[in-house]
């Protein structure tokens, strides 16, 4: 009976872990999904209303230094379901307007055009020692009654 328990336990573990990965598609699209025909119809001289009809509501708009609408899309990928996702592609379709709300120019920025910005470069120290998962496991393992 004991000889049979180990293979059954191993098979159960393998099947449960295999179920986590089977059929998992780690690619996820976020944000604005552009229609290439609609993007091609936005030309200099178009009105803001036409852009709104063609592209819809922008992901964000500029607040300083002119008037621009930004349509942001991003693709992330993770190799295994429990791992952190990695950004593999990002596009920002920008529509710049002049004072009369007519399209001045359009731009399509990719991930290679971006810069990494550290919004918070300082950290707040906490009191006490930093606890890790392994340390917590070992401490709990040796606690009795």
C-alpha atoms as a PDB file:
ATOM      1  CA  UNK A   1       0.000   0.000   0.000  1.00  0.00           C
ATOM      2  CA  UNK A   2       2.850   2.421   0.867  1.00  0.00           C
ATOM      3  CA  UNK A   3       4.606   1.558  -2.410  1.00  0.00           C
ATOM      4  CA  UNK A   4       1.517   2.619  -4.335  1.00  0.00           C
ATOM      5  CA  UNK A   5       1.006   5.900  -2.436  1.00  0.00           C
ATOM      6  CA  UNK A   6       4.145   7.641  -3.721  1.00  0.00           C
ATOM      7  CA  UNK A   7       3.396   7.171  -7.463  1.00  0.00           C
ATOM      8  CA  UNK A   8      -0.212   8.252  -6.914  1.00  0.00           C
ATOM      9  CA  UNK A   9       0.934  11.364  -5.049  1.00  0.00           C
ATOM     10  CA  UNK A  10       3.466  12.186  -7.792  1.00  0.00           C
ATOM     11  CA  UNK A  11       0.851  11.711 -10.538  1.00  0.00           C
ATOM     12  CA  UNK A  12      -1.667  13.887  -8.685  1.00  0.00           C
ATOM     13  CA  UNK A  13       0.903  16.638  -8.238  1.00  0.00           C
ATOM     14  CA  UNK A  14       1.971  16.458 -11.897  1.00  0.00           C
ATOM     15  CA  UNK A  15      -1.627  16.636 -13.128  1.00  0.00           C
ATOM     16  CA  UNK A  16      -2.522  19.547 -10.854  1.00  0.00           C
ATOM     17  CA  UNK A  17       0.519  21.557 -11.952  1.00  0.00           C
ATOM     18  CA  UNK A  18      -0.003  20.592 -15.582  1.00  0.00           C
ATOM     19  CA  UNK A  19      -3.520  21.996 -15.430  1.00  0.00           C
ATOM     20  CA  UNK A  20      -2.130  25.406 -14.530  1.00  0.00           C
ATOM     21  CA  UNK A  21      -0.230  25.639 -17.801  1.00  0.00           C
ATOM     22  CA  UNK A  22      -2.410  23.731 -20.269  1.00  0.00           C
ATOM     23  CA  UNK A  23      -4.315  26.083 -22.552  1.00  0.00           C
ATOM     24  CA  UNK A  24      -2.787  29.178 -20.991  1.00  0.00           C
ATOM     25  CA  UNK A  25      -2.267  32.010 -23.439  1.00  0.00           C
ATOM     26  CA  UNK A  26       0.041  34.511 -21.793  1.00  0.00           C
ATOM     27  CA  UNK A  27      -0.471  37.317 -24.339  1.00  0.00           C
ATOM     28  CA  UNK A  28      -2.877  40.036 -23.233  1.00  0.00           C
ATOM     29  CA  UNK A  29      -3.807  43.179 -25.171  1.00  0.00           C
ATOM     30  CA  UNK A  30      -4.584  46.268 -23.087  1.00  0.00           C
ATOM     31  CA  UNK A  31      -6.086  49.615 -23.990  1.00  0.00           C
ATOM     32  CA  UNK A  32      -7.056  50.968 -27.393  1.00  0.00           C
ATOM     33  CA  UNK A  33      -7.108  48.411 -30.206  1.00  0.00           C
ATOM     34  CA  UNK A  34      -6.683  50.415 -33.415  1.00  0.00           C
ATOM     35  CA  UNK A  35      -8.494  49.788 -36.666  1.00  0.00           C
ATOM     36  CA  UNK A  36      -5.978  50.513 -39.439  1.00  0.00           C
ATOM     37  CA  UNK A  37      -8.663  51.845 -41.820  1.00  0.00           C
ATOM     38  CA  UNK A  38      -9.872  54.334 -39.201  1.00  0.00           C
ATOM     39  CA  UNK A  39      -6.318  55.428 -38.412  1.00  0.00           C
ATOM     40  CA  UNK A  40      -5.665  56.067 -42.109  1.00  0.00           C
ATOM     41  CA  UNK A  41      -8.725  58.356 -42.339  1.00  0.00           C
ATOM     42  CA  UNK A  42      -7.393  60.761 -39.693  1.00  0.00           C
ATOM     43  CA  UNK A  43      -5.508  63.393 -41.689  1.00  0.00           C
ATOM     44  CA  UNK A  44      -4.306  66.936 -41.062  1.00  0.00           C
ATOM     45  CA  UNK A  45      -7.256  69.291 -41.353  1.00  0.00           C
ATOM     46  CA  UNK A  46      -9.823  66.850 -39.924  1.00  0.00           C
ATOM     47  CA  UNK A  47     -12.003  68.196 -37.133  1.00  0.00           C
ATOM     48  CA  UNK A  48     -11.925  66.935 -33.552  1.00  0.00           C
ATOM     49  CA  UNK A  49     -15.488  65.621 -34.031  1.00  0.00           C
ATOM     50  CA  UNK A  50     -14.384  63.534 -37.026  1.00  0.00           C
ATOM     51  CA  UNK A  51     -11.514  62.079 -35.009  1.00  0.00           C
ATOM     52  CA  UNK A  52     -13.904  61.271 -32.175  1.00  0.00           C
ATOM     53  CA  UNK A  53     -16.231  59.450 -34.574  1.00  0.00           C
ATOM     54  CA  UNK A  54     -13.395  57.547 -36.255  1.00  0.00           C
ATOM     55  CA  UNK A  55     -11.267  56.613 -33.233  1.00  0.00           C
ATOM     56  CA  UNK A  56     -13.581  57.013 -30.264  1.00  0.00           C
ATOM     57  CA  UNK A  57     -12.725  58.492 -26.890  1.00  0.00           C
ATOM     58  CA  UNK A  58      -8.966  58.878 -26.363  1.00  0.00           C
ATOM     59  CA  UNK A  59      -7.131  56.998 -23.623  1.00  0.00           C
ATOM     60  CA  UNK A  60      -5.824  60.312 -22.299  1.00  0.00           C
ATOM     61  CA  UNK A  61      -5.408  63.918 -23.381  1.00  0.00           C
ATOM     62  CA  UNK A  62      -2.669  66.487 -22.921  1.00  0.00           C
ATOM     63  CA  UNK A  63      -2.965  69.014 -20.141  1.00  0.00           C
ATOM     64  CA  UNK A  64       0.089  71.181 -20.775  1.00  0.00           C
ATOM     65  CA  UNK A  65       1.567  72.707 -23.907  1.00  0.00           C
ATOM     66  CA  UNK A  66      -1.168  72.349 -26.509  1.00  0.00           C
ATOM     67  CA  UNK A  67      -4.046  70.074 -27.305  1.00  0.00           C
ATOM     68  CA  UNK A  68      -3.431  66.420 -28.116  1.00  0.00           C
ATOM     69  CA  UNK A  69      -5.315  63.151 -27.816  1.00  0.00           C
ATOM     70  CA  UNK A  70      -3.474  59.918 -27.091  1.00  0.00           C
ATOM     71  CA  UNK A  71      -4.715  56.418 -27.870  1.00  0.00           C
ATOM     72  CA  UNK A  72      -2.610  53.918 -25.919  1.00  0.00           C
ATOM     73  CA  UNK A  73      -2.339  50.179 -26.544  1.00  0.00           C
ATOM     74  CA  UNK A  74      -0.022  47.691 -24.881  1.00  0.00           C
ATOM     75  CA  UNK A  75       0.685  43.988 -25.169  1.00  0.00           C
ATOM     76  CA  UNK A  76       1.985  41.997 -22.223  1.00  0.00           C
ATOM     77  CA  UNK A  77       3.177  38.429 -22.144  1.00  0.00           C
ATOM     78  CA  UNK A  78       3.909  36.018 -19.344  1.00  0.00           C
ATOM     79  CA  UNK A  79       5.472  32.650 -19.887  1.00  0.00           C
ATOM     80  CA  UNK A  80       3.741  30.941 -16.949  1.00  0.00           C
ATOM     81  CA  UNK A  81       0.499  32.003 -15.260  1.00  0.00           C
ATOM     82  CA  UNK A  82       2.049  32.902 -11.911  1.00  0.00           C
ATOM     83  CA  UNK A  83       5.000  34.932 -13.263  1.00  0.00           C
ATOM     84  CA  UNK A  84       5.049  38.724 -13.668  1.00  0.00           C
ATOM     85  CA  UNK A  85       3.993  39.905 -17.128  1.00  0.00           C
ATOM     86  CA  UNK A  86       6.558  41.577 -19.387  1.00  0.00           C
ATOM     87  CA  UNK A  87       5.650  44.401 -21.760  1.00  0.00           C
ATOM     88  CA  UNK A  88       6.463  43.212 -25.289  1.00  0.00           C
ATOM     89  CA  UNK A  89       4.804  45.957 -27.351  1.00  0.00           C
ATOM     90  CA  UNK A  90       3.356  49.422 -26.777  1.00  0.00           C
ATOM     91  CA  UNK A  91       1.914  51.906 -29.239  1.00  0.00           C
ATOM     92  CA  UNK A  92       0.693  55.421 -28.658  1.00  0.00           C
ATOM     93  CA  UNK A  93      -1.239  56.955 -31.501  1.00  0.00           C
ATOM     94  CA  UNK A  94      -1.125  60.727 -30.942  1.00  0.00           C
ATOM     95  CA  UNK A  95      -3.395  63.260 -32.633  1.00  0.00           C
ATOM     96  CA  UNK A  96      -2.242  66.877 -32.272  1.00  0.00           C
ATOM     97  CA  UNK A  97      -4.725  69.728 -32.741  1.00  0.00           C
ATOM     98  CA  UNK A  98      -4.253  73.420 -33.509  1.00  0.00           C
ATOM     99  CA  UNK A  99      -6.149  76.292 -31.826  1.00  0.00           C
ATOM    100  CA  UNK A 100      -9.195  75.806 -34.075  1.00  0.00           C
ATOM    101  CA  UNK A 101      -9.507  72.090 -33.088  1.00  0.00           C
ATOM    102  CA  UNK A 102      -8.325  70.844 -36.489  1.00  0.00           C
ATOM    103  CA  UNK A 103      -5.801  68.021 -36.747  1.00  0.00           C
ATOM    104  CA  UNK A 104      -2.351  69.537 -37.086  1.00  0.00           C
ATOM    105  CA  UNK A 105      -0.422  66.251 -37.270  1.00  0.00           C
ATOM    106  CA  UNK A 106      -0.599  62.606 -36.207  1.00  0.00           C
ATOM    107  CA  UNK A 107       2.148  60.411 -34.792  1.00  0.00           C
ATOM    108  CA  UNK A 108       2.505  56.726 -33.998  1.00  0.00           C
ATOM    109  CA  UNK A 109       4.993  56.074 -31.195  1.00  0.00           C
ATOM    110  CA  UNK A 110       6.268  52.588 -30.413  1.00  0.00           C
ATOM    111  CA  UNK A 111       7.952  51.052 -27.397  1.00  0.00           C
ATOM    112  CA  UNK A 112      11.364  51.911 -28.894  1.00  0.00           C
ATOM    113  CA  UNK A 113      10.449  55.626 -28.775  1.00  0.00           C
ATOM    114  CA  UNK A 114       9.749  55.591 -25.041  1.00  0.00           C
ATOM    115  CA  UNK A 115      11.941  56.301 -22.081  1.00  0.00           C
ATOM    116  CA  UNK A 116      11.810  54.579 -18.711  1.00  0.00           C
ATOM    117  CA  UNK A 117      10.716  57.101 -16.098  1.00  0.00           C
ATOM    118  CA  UNK A 118      11.118  56.432 -12.401  1.00  0.00           C
ATOM    119  CA  UNK A 119       8.165  58.327 -10.903  1.00  0.00           C
ATOM    120  CA  UNK A 120       9.271  57.726  -7.323  1.00  0.00           C
ATOM    121  CA  UNK A 121      13.024  57.542  -6.954  1.00  0.00           C
ATOM    122  CA  UNK A 122      13.079  57.427  -3.184  1.00  0.00           C
ATOM    123  CA  UNK A 123      11.819  54.728  -0.845  1.00  0.00           C
ATOM    124  CA  UNK A 124      10.531  54.851   2.683  1.00  0.00           C
ATOM    125  CA  UNK A 125      12.471  52.645   5.094  1.00  0.00           C
ATOM    126  CA  UNK A 126      10.446  50.400   7.374  1.00  0.00           C
ATOM    127  CA  UNK A 127      11.265  49.327  10.894  1.00  0.00           C
ATOM    128  CA  UNK A 128      12.494  45.839  11.675  1.00  0.00           C
ATOM    129  CA  UNK A 129      14.135  43.202   9.562  1.00  0.00           C
ATOM    130  CA  UNK A 130      12.903  42.368   6.107  1.00  0.00           C
ATOM    131  CA  UNK A 131      11.026  39.095   6.125  1.00  0.00           C
ATOM    132  CA  UNK A 132      11.189  36.633   3.257  1.00  0.00           C
ATOM    133  CA  UNK A 133       8.894  33.807   2.290  1.00  0.00           C
ATOM    134  CA  UNK A 134      11.521  31.133   3.029  1.00  0.00           C
ATOM    135  CA  UNK A 135      12.322  32.634   6.435  1.00  0.00           C
ATOM    136  CA  UNK A 136       8.635  32.665   7.340  1.00  0.00           C
ATOM    137  CA  UNK A 137       8.257  29.032   6.285  1.00  0.00           C
ATOM    138  CA  UNK A 138      11.237  27.934   8.380  1.00  0.00           C
ATOM    139  CA  UNK A 139      10.088  29.890  11.442  1.00  0.00           C
ATOM    140  CA  UNK A 140       6.610  28.360  11.239  1.00  0.00           C
ATOM    141  CA  UNK A 141       8.055  24.894  10.695  1.00  0.00           C
ATOM    142  CA  UNK A 142       9.886  24.960  14.043  1.00  0.00           C
ATOM    143  CA  UNK A 143       6.995  26.389  16.083  1.00  0.00           C
ATOM    144  CA  UNK A 144       5.381  23.759  18.229  1.00  0.00           C
ATOM    145  CA  UNK A 145       2.236  24.024  20.332  1.00  0.00           C
END
